[in-house]
Amino acid sequence: MRTGSSERPVGRPAKYQPDELLAVVTQEFIARGYDATSMEDLARATGLTKSAIYHHVSGKEALLRLAVERAIESLRPLSSFVDGGRPAP
């Protein structure tokens, strides 16, 4: 975040943290289905403009990729239960 000479943040504070934004986007994909979800739908659900979303990601596919990566990461702790409690190779 940029700061001015007095070390105060410049611009408006973020409405969402990245994880919170991704959670809203993921819920929209689940509710509507990926193909049926438009960037307009995502903008409406997040309360952001489409251009604000595009400022952070290249598009809907990038959001899906982030959502899938987040889901996979959340499952990693469970991998030690694979093969009867032995850590997966």
Protein backbone atom coordinates (compact mmCIF):
# COMPACT_ATOMS: atom_id res chain seq x y z
CA MET A 1 0.00 0.00 0.00
CA ARG A 2 1.37 3.43 -0.83
CA THR A 3 1.80 5.94 1.92
CA GLY A 4 2.09 9.70 1.90
CA SER A 5 4.80 11.72 3.57
CA SER A 6 3.05 11.38 6.95
CA GLU A 7 3.03 7.57 6.58
CA ARG A 8 -0.75 7.46 6.31
CA PRO A 9 -2.20 5.09 3.71
CA VAL A 10 -3.14 6.71 0.40
CA GLY A 11 -6.51 5.87 -1.16
CA ARG A 12 -9.55 4.11 0.20
CA PRO A 13 -9.13 1.16 2.53
CA ALA A 14 -9.74 -2.23 0.92
CA LYS A 15 -13.32 -3.45 1.27
CA TYR A 16 -12.16 -7.06 1.44
CA GLN A 17 -8.98 -8.87 2.31
CA PRO A 18 -7.94 -11.28 -0.50
CA ASP A 19 -9.12 -14.39 1.40
CA GLU A 20 -12.49 -12.80 2.15
CA LEU A 21 -12.94 -11.76 -1.48
CA LEU A 22 -12.05 -15.23 -2.67
CA ALA A 23 -14.60 -16.72 -0.26
CA VAL A 24 -17.37 -14.54 -1.76
CA VAL A 25 -16.31 -15.42 -5.31
CA THR A 26 -16.18 -19.13 -4.45
CA GLN A 27 -19.70 -19.00 -3.02
CA GLU A 28 -20.94 -17.38 -6.24
CA PHE A 29 -19.29 -20.13 -8.33
CA ILE A 30 -20.91 -22.77 -6.12
CA ALA A 31 -24.34 -21.14 -6.20
CA ARG A 32 -24.48 -20.27 -9.92
CA GLY A 33 -21.91 -22.60 -11.44
CA TYR A 34 -18.69 -21.31 -12.96
CA ASP A 35 -20.00 -20.95 -16.53
CA ALA A 36 -23.17 -19.16 -15.44
CA THR A 37 -21.32 -16.68 -13.20
CA SER A 38 -20.43 -13.43 -14.93
CA MET A 39 -17.95 -10.82 -13.81
CA GLU A 40 -21.00 -8.59 -13.29
CA ASP A 41 -22.39 -11.20 -10.87
CA LEU A 42 -19.08 -11.23 -9.01
CA ALA A 43 -18.98 -7.44 -8.89
CA ARG A 44 -22.51 -7.31 -7.50
CA ALA A 45 -21.77 -10.01 -4.88
CA THR A 46 -18.57 -8.34 -3.70
CA GLY A 47 -19.78 -4.76 -3.91
CA LEU A 48 -16.77 -3.92 -6.07
CA THR A 49 -16.70 -2.67 -9.63
CA LYS A 50 -15.63 -5.01 -12.40
CA SER A 51 -12.63 -2.78 -13.02
CA ALA A 52 -11.60 -3.11 -9.35
CA ILE A 53 -11.70 -6.89 -9.67
CA TYR A 54 -9.75 -6.78 -12.94
CA HIS A 55 -7.16 -4.59 -11.21
CA HIS A 56 -6.25 -7.60 -9.06
CA VAL A 57 -6.84 -10.57 -11.38
CA SER A 58 -6.86 -11.12 -15.12
CA GLY A 59 -10.38 -12.53 -15.14
CA LYS A 60 -12.82 -15.18 -14.04
CA GLU A 61 -10.48 -18.05 -14.90
CA ALA A 62 -7.79 -16.63 -12.61
CA LEU A 63 -10.34 -16.41 -9.80
CA LEU A 64 -11.32 -20.05 -10.36
CA ARG A 65 -7.65 -21.07 -10.30
CA LEU A 66 -7.14 -19.24 -6.99
CA ALA A 67 -10.29 -20.83 -5.54
CA VAL A 68 -9.16 -24.33 -6.53
CA GLU A 69 -5.65 -23.74 -5.16
CA ARG A 70 -7.15 -22.55 -1.88
CA ALA A 71 -9.38 -25.63 -1.68
CA ILE A 72 -6.44 -27.96 -2.33
CA GLU A 73 -4.32 -26.21 0.30
CA SER A 74 -7.10 -26.61 2.86
CA LEU A 75 -7.03 -30.39 2.26
CA ARG A 76 -3.26 -30.83 2.71
CA PRO A 77 -3.47 -31.37 6.50
CA LEU A 78 -5.78 -34.33 5.83
CA SER A 79 -3.21 -36.06 3.62
CA SER A 80 -1.63 -37.69 6.69
CA PHE A 81 -4.79 -39.76 7.07
CA VAL A 82 -4.41 -41.36 3.64
CA ASP A 83 -3.29 -45.03 3.69
CA GLY A 84 -4.58 -45.79 7.16
CA GLY A 85 -3.01 -42.90 9.00
CA ARG A 86 0.42 -43.11 7.39
CA PRO A 87 1.63 -39.94 5.69
CA ALA A 88 1.11 -39.97 1.93
CA PRO A 89 4.36 -40.42 -0.07
